[in-house]
Amino acid sequence: MKVLVLTAYDTGENIVEVLRAGASGFLVKDTRPAEELERSVP
């Protein structure tokens, strides 16, 4: 199962933390829908 984190915070520290916790990726809340689809489709 892949986990994609949606966050309001895009600091490097937060990103590293979610990836270390096992997330497959992350998106910031203001990400455009097209960009969101590109990241979520393998």
PDB file of N, CA and C in Angstrom:
ATOM      1  N   MET A   1       0.839  -1.157   0.000  1.00  0.00           N
ATOM      2  CA  MET A   1       0.000   0.000   0.000  1.00  0.00           C
ATOM      3  C   MET A   1       0.897   1.237   0.000  1.00  0.00           C
ATOM      4  N   LYS A   2       0.521   2.204  -0.813  1.00  0.00           N
ATOM      5  CA  LYS A   2       1.264   3.461  -0.845  1.00  0.00           C
ATOM      6  C   LYS A   2       0.509   4.517  -0.059  1.00  0.00           C
ATOM      7  N   VAL A   3       1.259   5.344   0.655  1.00  0.00           N
ATOM      8  CA  VAL A   3       0.677   6.419   1.448  1.00  0.00           C
ATOM      9  C   VAL A   3       1.180   7.742   0.907  1.00  0.00           C
ATOM     10  N   LEU A   4       0.249   8.620   0.586  1.00  0.00           N
ATOM     11  CA  LEU A   4       0.567   9.950   0.095  1.00  0.00           C
ATOM     12  C   LEU A   4       0.086  10.945   1.140  1.00  0.00           C
ATOM     13  N   VAL A   5       0.977  11.756   1.668  1.00  0.00           N
ATOM     14  CA  VAL A   5       0.655  12.693   2.737  1.00  0.00           C
ATOM     15  C   VAL A   5       0.264  14.044   2.146  1.00  0.00           C
ATOM     16  N   LEU A   6      -0.838  14.585   2.621  1.00  0.00           N
ATOM     17  CA  LEU A   6      -1.283  15.925   2.252  1.00  0.00           C
ATOM     18  C   LEU A   6      -1.017  16.823   3.445  1.00  0.00           C
ATOM     19  N   THR A   7      -0.265  17.901   3.237  1.00  0.00           N
ATOM     20  CA  THR A   7       0.145  18.748   4.344  1.00  0.00           C
ATOM     21  C   THR A   7       0.058  20.229   3.997  1.00  0.00           C
ATOM     22  N   ALA A   8      -0.049  21.044   5.005  1.00  0.00           N
ATOM     23  CA  ALA A   8      -0.023  22.491   4.821  1.00  0.00           C
ATOM     24  C   ALA A   8       1.404  23.017   4.974  1.00  0.00           C
ATOM     25  N   TYR A   9       2.297  22.179   5.457  1.00  0.00           N
ATOM     26  CA  TYR A   9       3.667  22.599   5.743  1.00  0.00           C
ATOM     27  C   TYR A   9       4.635  21.932   4.773  1.00  0.00           C
ATOM     28  N   ASP A  10       5.428  22.738   4.090  1.00  0.00           N
ATOM     29  CA  ASP A  10       6.365  22.162   3.123  1.00  0.00           C
ATOM     30  C   ASP A  10       7.819  22.356   3.527  1.00  0.00           C
ATOM     31  N   THR A  11       8.071  22.400   4.824  1.00  0.00           N
ATOM     32  CA  THR A  11       9.452  22.546   5.276  1.00  0.00           C
ATOM     33  C   THR A  11      10.203  21.234   5.086  1.00  0.00           C
ATOM     34  N   GLY A  12      11.476  21.340   4.862  1.00  0.00           N
ATOM     35  CA  GLY A  12      12.303  20.156   4.659  1.00  0.00           C
ATOM     36  C   GLY A  12      12.223  19.182   5.812  1.00  0.00           C
ATOM     37  N   GLU A  13      12.150  19.704   7.013  1.00  0.00           N
ATOM     38  CA  GLU A  13      12.087  18.847   8.198  1.00  0.00           C
ATOM     39  C   GLU A  13      10.823  17.990   8.186  1.00  0.00           C
ATOM     40  N   ASN A  14       9.685  18.571   7.856  1.00  0.00           N
ATOM     41  CA  ASN A  14       8.433  17.817   7.800  1.00  0.00           C
ATOM     42  C   ASN A  14       8.452  16.773   6.696  1.00  0.00           C
ATOM     43  N   ILE A  15       9.007  17.124   5.568  1.00  0.00           N
ATOM     44  CA  ILE A  15       9.064  16.202   4.436  1.00  0.00           C
ATOM     45  C   ILE A  15       9.913  14.983   4.780  1.00  0.00           C
ATOM     46  N   VAL A  16      11.066  15.212   5.338  1.00  0.00           N
ATOM     47  CA  VAL A  16      11.954  14.113   5.723  1.00  0.00           C
ATOM     48  C   VAL A  16      11.268  13.225   6.750  1.00  0.00           C
ATOM     49  N   GLU A  17      10.571  13.832   7.688  1.00  0.00           N
ATOM     50  CA  GLU A  17       9.900  13.076   8.742  1.00  0.00           C
ATOM     51  C   GLU A  17       8.828  12.131   8.185  1.00  0.00           C
ATOM     52  N   VAL A  18       7.999  12.598   7.265  1.00  0.00           N
ATOM     53  CA  VAL A  18       6.948  11.723   6.728  1.00  0.00           C
ATOM     54  C   VAL A  18       7.534  10.627   5.840  1.00  0.00           C
ATOM     55  N   LEU A  19       8.599  10.936   5.108  1.00  0.00           N
ATOM     56  CA  LEU A  19       9.229   9.908   4.278  1.00  0.00           C
ATOM     57  C   LEU A  19       9.903   8.850   5.149  1.00  0.00           C
ATOM     58  N   ARG A  20      10.519   9.267   6.229  1.00  0.00           N
ATOM     59  CA  ARG A  20      11.126   8.290   7.153  1.00  0.00           C
ATOM     60  C   ARG A  20      10.070   7.424   7.823  1.00  0.00           C
ATOM     61  N   ALA A  21       8.885   7.971   8.010  1.00  0.00           N
ATOM     62  CA  ALA A  21       7.795   7.220   8.643  1.00  0.00           C
ATOM     63  C   ALA A  21       7.175   6.210   7.684  1.00  0.00           C
ATOM     64  N   GLY A  22       7.576   6.251   6.407  1.00  0.00           N
ATOM     65  CA  GLY A  22       7.113   5.256   5.463  1.00  0.00           C
ATOM     66  C   GLY A  22       6.205   5.754   4.354  1.00  0.00           C
ATOM     67  N   ALA A  23       5.926   7.045   4.310  1.00  0.00           N
ATOM     68  CA  ALA A  23       5.081   7.584   3.243  1.00  0.00           C
ATOM     69  C   ALA A  23       5.789   7.443   1.900  1.00  0.00           C
ATOM     70  N   SER A  24       5.006   7.249   0.867  1.00  0.00           N
ATOM     71  CA  SER A  24       5.551   7.135  -0.484  1.00  0.00           C
ATOM     72  C   SER A  24       5.812   8.497  -1.102  1.00  0.00           C
ATOM     73  N   GLY A  25       5.122   9.511  -0.608  1.00  0.00           N
ATOM     74  CA  GLY A  25       5.282  10.857  -1.132  1.00  0.00           C
ATOM     75  C   GLY A  25       4.451  11.844  -0.339  1.00  0.00           C
ATOM     76  N   PHE A  26       4.467  13.080  -0.770  1.00  0.00           N
ATOM     77  CA  PHE A  26       3.741  14.127  -0.067  1.00  0.00           C
ATOM     78  C   PHE A  26       3.269  15.170  -1.061  1.00  0.00           C
ATOM     79  N   LEU A  27       2.221  15.865  -0.690  1.00  0.00           N
ATOM     80  CA  LEU A  27       1.711  16.993  -1.461  1.00  0.00           C
ATOM     81  C   LEU A  27       1.406  18.127  -0.502  1.00  0.00           C
ATOM     82  N   VAL A  28       1.658  19.334  -0.941  1.00  0.00           N
ATOM     83  CA  VAL A  28       1.299  20.508  -0.160  1.00  0.00           C
ATOM     84  C   VAL A  28      -0.130  20.872  -0.560  1.00  0.00           C
ATOM     85  N   LYS A  29      -0.917  21.382   0.388  1.00  0.00           N
ATOM     86  CA  LYS A  29      -2.338  21.650   0.135  1.00  0.00           C
ATOM     87  C   LYS A  29      -2.599  22.540  -1.071  1.00  0.00           C
ATOM     88  N   ASP A  30      -1.676  23.416  -1.420  1.00  0.00           N
ATOM     89  CA  ASP A  30      -1.918  24.300  -2.560  1.00  0.00           C
ATOM     90  C   ASP A  30      -1.411  23.723  -3.890  1.00  0.00           C
ATOM     91  N   THR A  31      -1.146  22.416  -3.929  1.00  0.00           N
ATOM     92  CA  THR A  31      -0.718  21.743  -5.155  1.00  0.00           C
ATOM     93  C   THR A  31      -1.863  21.742  -6.167  1.00  0.00           C
ATOM     94  N   ARG A  32      -1.543  22.036  -7.409  1.00  0.00           N
ATOM     95  CA  ARG A  32      -2.566  22.013  -8.469  1.00  0.00           C
ATOM     96  C   ARG A  32      -3.045  20.583  -8.695  1.00  0.00           C
ATOM     97  N   PRO A  33      -4.340  20.387  -9.015  1.00  0.00           N
ATOM     98  CA  PRO A  33      -4.882  19.040  -9.222  1.00  0.00           C
ATOM     99  C   PRO A  33      -4.106  18.209 -10.253  1.00  0.00           C
ATOM    100  N   ALA A  34      -3.673  18.805 -11.346  1.00  0.00           N
ATOM    101  CA  ALA A  34      -2.930  18.050 -12.371  1.00  0.00           C
ATOM    102  C   ALA A  34      -1.612  17.532 -11.799  1.00  0.00           C
ATOM    103  N   GLU A  35      -0.940  18.346 -11.027  1.00  0.00           N
ATOM    104  CA  GLU A  35       0.325  17.937 -10.408  1.00  0.00           C
ATOM    105  C   GLU A  35       0.066  16.819  -9.401  1.00  0.00           C
ATOM    106  N   GLU A  36      -1.042  16.918  -8.685  1.00  0.00           N
ATOM    107  CA  GLU A  36      -1.417  15.895  -7.704  1.00  0.00           C
ATOM    108  C   GLU A  36      -1.603  14.554  -8.396  1.00  0.00           C
ATOM    109  N   LEU A  37      -2.276  14.525  -9.526  1.00  0.00           N
ATOM    110  CA  LEU A  37      -2.472  13.287 -10.268  1.00  0.00           C
ATOM    111  C   LEU A  37      -1.163  12.715 -10.775  1.00  0.00           C
ATOM    112  N   GLU A  38      -0.265  13.555 -11.253  1.00  0.00           N
ATOM    113  CA  GLU A  38       1.032  13.079 -11.740  1.00  0.00           C
ATOM    114  C   GLU A  38       1.798  12.353 -10.656  1.00  0.00           C
ATOM    115  N   ARG A  39       1.737  12.851  -9.435  1.00  0.00           N
ATOM    116  CA  ARG A  39       2.480  12.242  -8.338  1.00  0.00           C
ATOM    117  C   ARG A  39       1.825  10.983  -7.810  1.00  0.00           C
ATOM    118  N   SER A  40       0.500  10.886  -7.909  1.00  0.00           N
ATOM    119  CA  SER A  40      -0.184   9.758  -7.285  1.00  0.00           C
ATOM    120  C   SER A  40      -0.321   8.549  -8.212  1.00  0.00           C
ATOM    121  N   VAL A  41      -0.177   8.739  -9.511  1.00  0.00           N
ATOM    122  CA  VAL A  41      -0.286   7.620 -10.449  1.00  0.00           C
ATOM    123  C   VAL A  41       1.090   7.029 -10.701  1.00  0.00           C
ATOM    124  N   PRO A  42       1.233   5.702 -10.499  1.00  0.00           N
ATOM    125  CA  PRO A  42       2.560   5.080 -10.677  1.00  0.00           C
ATOM    126  C   PRO A  42       3.039   5.103 -12.111  1.00  0.00           C
TER     127      PRO A  42
END
